[in-house]
Structure formats: structure tokens, C-alpha cells
Protein backbone atom coordinates (compact mmCIF):
# COMPACT_ATOMS: atom_id res chain seq x y z
CA MET A 1 147.03 29.75 122.81
CA THR A 2 150.68 30.42 123.58
CA ALA A 3 153.24 27.88 122.47
CA SER A 4 155.05 26.09 125.26
CA PRO A 5 158.59 24.66 125.37
CA LEU A 6 157.08 21.44 126.77
CA VAL A 7 155.01 20.86 123.66
CA PRO A 8 156.66 18.79 120.91
CA GLY A 9 156.03 18.80 117.20
CA PRO A 10 153.16 16.87 115.56
CA HIS A 11 152.85 13.22 116.54
CA PRO A 12 150.62 11.82 113.76
CA ARG A 13 150.72 8.28 115.13
CA VAL A 14 148.78 9.36 118.23
CA ALA A 15 145.26 10.66 117.66
CA GLY A 16 143.40 13.01 119.95
CA LEU A 17 139.88 12.23 121.12
CA LEU A 18 137.76 14.94 122.72
CA LEU A 19 134.53 13.85 124.40
CA ALA A 20 132.20 16.85 124.05
CA ALA A 21 128.72 15.36 123.79
CA GLY A 22 127.29 16.08 127.25
CA GLY A 23 124.04 17.96 127.67
CA GLY A 24 124.99 19.77 130.89
CA ARG A 25 122.03 18.42 132.88
CA ARG A 26 123.29 19.94 136.14
CA LEU A 27 123.98 23.20 134.28
CA GLY A 28 120.35 23.65 133.41
CA GLY A 29 120.62 21.73 130.15
CA HIS A 30 123.30 23.96 128.62
CA PRO A 31 125.64 21.76 126.55
CA LYS A 32 129.18 21.93 127.89
CA ALA A 33 130.68 22.22 124.42
CA LEU A 34 128.98 25.60 124.03
CA LEU A 35 130.08 27.13 127.34
CA GLU A 36 132.03 30.31 126.67
CA HIS A 37 135.76 30.25 127.39
CA HIS A 38 137.88 33.27 126.44
CA GLY A 39 135.07 34.46 124.22
CA ARG A 40 134.62 31.27 122.19
CA PRO A 41 132.87 27.91 122.67
CA LEU A 42 134.74 25.70 125.14
CA VAL A 43 134.94 22.89 122.57
CA GLU A 44 137.21 25.10 120.44
CA TYR A 45 139.68 25.52 123.27
CA ALA A 46 139.64 21.83 124.18
CA ALA A 47 140.19 20.68 120.59
CA GLY A 48 142.97 23.23 120.22
CA VAL A 49 144.71 21.78 123.29
CA LEU A 50 144.98 18.39 121.57
CA ARG A 51 146.19 19.92 118.31
CA GLU A 52 148.79 22.12 120.00
CA ALA A 53 150.11 19.18 122.00
CA GLY A 54 150.86 17.37 118.75
CA CYS A 55 148.00 14.89 118.43
CA GLY A 56 146.82 14.06 114.96
CA PRO A 57 144.19 13.57 113.79
CA VAL A 58 141.82 15.05 116.38
CA HIS A 59 138.36 13.48 116.61
CA VAL A 60 135.64 15.39 118.48
CA VAL A 61 132.55 13.52 119.69
CA LEU A 62 129.43 15.69 119.62
CA GLY A 63 125.99 14.93 120.98
CA ALA A 64 123.74 17.48 122.67
CA ALA A 65 123.01 20.40 120.32
CA ALA A 66 125.45 18.95 117.80
CA ASP A 67 124.08 21.07 114.94
CA VAL A 68 124.55 24.25 116.99
CA VAL A 69 128.09 23.25 117.94
CA ARG A 70 128.94 22.65 114.29
CA THR A 71 127.62 26.11 113.42
CA ARG A 72 129.20 28.11 116.24
CA ALA A 73 132.52 26.38 116.87
CA ARG A 74 135.56 26.65 114.65
CA LEU A 75 137.12 23.20 114.53
CA PRO A 76 139.39 23.20 111.48
CA GLY A 77 141.02 19.90 110.67
CA CYS A 78 138.99 18.00 113.27
CA VAL A 79 136.95 14.91 112.49
CA LEU A 80 133.48 15.47 113.97
CA VAL A 81 131.82 12.32 115.25
CA GLU A 82 128.15 12.52 116.17
CA ASN A 83 126.93 10.29 119.00
CA PRO A 84 123.14 9.94 118.80
CA ALA A 85 123.21 7.96 122.06
CA TRP A 86 124.97 10.72 124.01
CA ALA A 87 122.27 10.77 126.73
CA GLU A 88 123.36 7.27 127.79
CA GLY A 89 126.52 8.75 129.27
CA MET A 90 130.22 9.15 128.60
CA GLY A 91 130.67 5.48 127.79
CA SER A 92 128.66 5.82 124.59
CA SER A 93 130.79 8.78 123.48
CA LEU A 94 134.02 6.90 124.18
CA ARG A 95 132.73 3.95 122.17
CA ALA A 96 131.75 6.22 119.27
CA GLY A 97 135.08 8.02 119.32
CA LEU A 98 137.20 4.87 119.40
CA ALA A 99 135.04 3.27 116.70
CA SER A 100 135.67 6.30 114.49
CA LEU A 101 139.42 5.61 114.75
CA ALA A 102 139.14 1.94 113.84
CA GLY A 103 141.14 1.17 110.74
CA SER A 104 143.22 4.35 111.06
CA THR A 105 147.01 4.42 111.26
CA ALA A 106 146.94 5.71 114.84
CA GLU A 107 148.93 3.62 117.31
CA ALA A 108 147.27 5.23 120.33
CA VAL A 109 144.78 7.90 121.30
CA VAL A 110 144.85 10.62 123.94
CA VAL A 111 141.39 11.10 125.46
CA THR A 112 140.33 14.39 127.04
CA LEU A 113 137.05 15.83 128.32
CA VAL A 114 135.54 19.12 127.15
CA ASP A 115 134.69 20.26 130.69
CA GLN A 116 138.25 20.42 132.08
CA PRO A 117 139.63 23.80 130.92
CA GLY A 118 142.44 23.60 133.46
CA ILE A 119 144.10 20.86 131.42
CA GLY A 120 146.19 22.46 128.69
CA PRO A 121 148.61 21.33 126.00
CA ASP A 122 151.53 20.90 128.41
CA ALA A 123 149.72 18.14 130.30
CA VAL A 124 148.65 16.42 127.08
CA ALA A 125 152.22 16.62 125.75
CA ARG A 126 153.62 15.14 128.96
CA VAL A 127 151.26 12.15 128.71
CA LEU A 128 151.92 11.88 124.97
CA ALA A 129 155.66 11.66 125.64
CA ALA A 130 155.07 8.39 127.54
CA HIS A 131 153.79 6.68 124.37
CA HIS A 132 155.96 3.74 123.29
CA SER A 133 153.73 1.04 121.83
CA ARG A 134 150.25 -0.01 120.73
CA SER A 135 149.66 -1.59 124.14
CA ASP A 136 150.29 1.57 126.17
CA LEU A 137 148.03 2.60 129.02
CA VAL A 138 149.00 6.00 130.41
CA THR A 139 147.16 8.48 132.60
CA ALA A 140 147.90 11.85 134.09
CA ALA A 141 148.10 11.84 137.88
CA TYR A 142 147.18 14.55 140.37
CA GLY A 143 148.18 14.03 143.97
CA GLY A 144 148.61 10.35 143.25
CA ARG A 145 145.14 9.97 141.73
CA ARG A 146 144.48 9.04 138.12
CA GLY A 147 142.96 11.66 135.85
CA HIS A 148 142.84 12.97 132.30
CA PRO A 149 144.43 13.01 129.80
CA VAL A 150 144.39 9.24 129.27
CA LEU A 151 146.45 7.59 126.53
CA ILE A 152 145.21 4.23 125.27
CA GLY A 153 147.18 2.08 122.86
CA ALA A 154 145.30 0.85 119.79
CA ASP A 155 145.59 -2.82 120.79
CA ARG A 156 143.40 -2.03 123.82
CA TRP A 157 140.59 -0.22 122.01
CA PRO A 158 138.30 -3.24 121.47
CA ALA A 159 138.39 -4.15 125.17
CA VAL A 160 137.84 -0.54 126.22
CA ILE A 161 134.85 -0.26 123.87
CA ALA A 162 133.38 -3.42 125.37
CA SER A 163 133.74 -2.10 128.92
CA ALA A 164 132.57 1.50 128.33
CA ILE A 165 129.05 1.47 129.78
CA GLY A 166 126.91 4.27 131.18
CA ASP A 167 128.80 7.29 132.48
CA ARG A 168 131.97 5.42 133.41
CA GLY A 169 133.95 5.85 130.22
CA ALA A 170 137.19 3.89 130.54
CA ARG A 171 137.04 3.83 134.35
CA ALA A 172 136.15 0.14 134.67
CA TYR A 173 138.88 -0.90 132.22
CA LEU A 174 141.49 1.21 133.98
CA ARG A 175 140.54 -0.25 137.34
CA GLN A 176 140.88 -3.79 135.99
CA HIS A 177 144.33 -3.01 134.55
CA GLU A 178 145.66 -0.79 137.32
CA GLY A 179 149.01 -2.56 137.45
CA GLU A 180 149.64 -1.88 133.76
CA ILE A 181 149.09 1.89 133.93
CA THR A 182 151.95 4.35 133.61
CA ARG A 183 151.08 7.40 135.71
CA VAL A 184 152.50 10.75 134.65
CA ASP A 185 152.40 13.46 137.29
CA CYS A 186 150.78 16.61 135.91
CA ALA A 187 149.83 18.37 139.15
CA ASP A 188 152.40 21.11 138.53
CA ILE A 189 151.02 22.10 135.13
CA ALA A 190 147.29 21.31 135.13
CA VAL A 191 144.12 21.42 137.23
CA PRO A 192 141.68 18.56 136.52
CA ASP A 193 138.54 20.17 137.94
CA ASP A 194 135.31 19.43 136.03
CA ILE A 195 132.58 21.91 135.20
CA ASP A 196 129.49 20.12 136.46
CA THR A 197 127.38 22.71 138.31
CA PRO A 198 126.76 26.46 138.05
CA GLU A 199 129.23 26.95 140.90
CA ASP A 200 131.98 25.52 138.69
CA LEU A 201 131.55 28.12 135.96
CA GLY A 202 134.21 30.23 137.63
CA LEU A 203 136.76 27.85 136.08
CA LEU A 204 136.05 29.44 132.71
CA GLY A 205 137.95 32.44 131.44
């Protein structure tokens, strides 16, 4: 991964949280974390994005084929969090990831998804730069629409955990607190397309 002038130095007060537990149901049951991107598992790239942007520590939530991911993927320095309830949807992974950060010194967390390879360290760094307090709520924006990365201040984690149900992740919480969100335009440096179906595999390198 090439260093970028937009990326700052380490920011140890802001953790990174990568949600990488999905089973890839619409991809024929192939876990998204294990999709190949530039010759390596996609989860490696996605975790590296958070590290290069300056997040620390980086927690990675695993679920489907977690043992295989641990064997194949190189994730040095990452805290691996296993979500046995991954099949319930993204909400369970967000809850597991935020719970794993409870009691840490992190003031905020930047949340990313494993299946968005078009979001690189520049976009994460731009969102990270908007961090000011433990009550922050920041999202990237693309054409005026909210997207990932999402930065959530630590004071908000309990409420986000309580609202993260099914496959919605933090969506319900963000909708309820729309007026408190700082939107950071990232359309010039990132593409937020998800890999959900076989037709989307062209997004991988």
C-alpha cells in the first residue's frame, strides 16, 4: 500500500473496527474476508487501510470461516474478535466489536466494512481528522449520502450497541441522530461500492 500525503501519523486514541464476519450468502457462501484482492485475502487489505490511516488499535470482527481466516490472513498487531452470532447480521458484529473496545483508552472508533475495497486510507484519514471529542458522530459522504467510514465517539457506544439489530449495524442510530452527524465528503478519493453478488467481484484487484 503506497503512503499518501493525506494520511497522518498514528492516532492511538481512535481505534479501528473492521467488520469482516459475513458469510457471503449471495456469493455462493464464500466468506467476504477470504475474497482475493491483489493476491491476498481481502481482510488483509481492509485491516491495512485502518492501520495506514493511523487508527490504533485495530480490531477485526471475524465470523464465517473464522479459523480459515486466522490461518490464511496476515493480520499483525490486530485484535481478532470472533462473533459466534455472525449469521444474525451486521448488527451482531458491530455489537461484538464495540464490546471488545469497552474499557480501552480509545476515545472513538472508525468503523469500516470488509467488502468495500474502494475505500482506502485517504478516506479513513479524512474522517479521522474530524475527530474532536468522545461524543463525535462522523460519516463519510458520497454525493450527499452517508457512507463508510463511520467514526463513533466512545460516549455513544452503549446506545449504538443497544440499537444494532439484524443487518442494520449503526443505521438506526445514525438515522435517529441525523442532526448531530458531521459529514465529510470523500467522493473524490473513494468509491463505496459493496461486494454483494458475483457481478460485483470486478471491484477486486
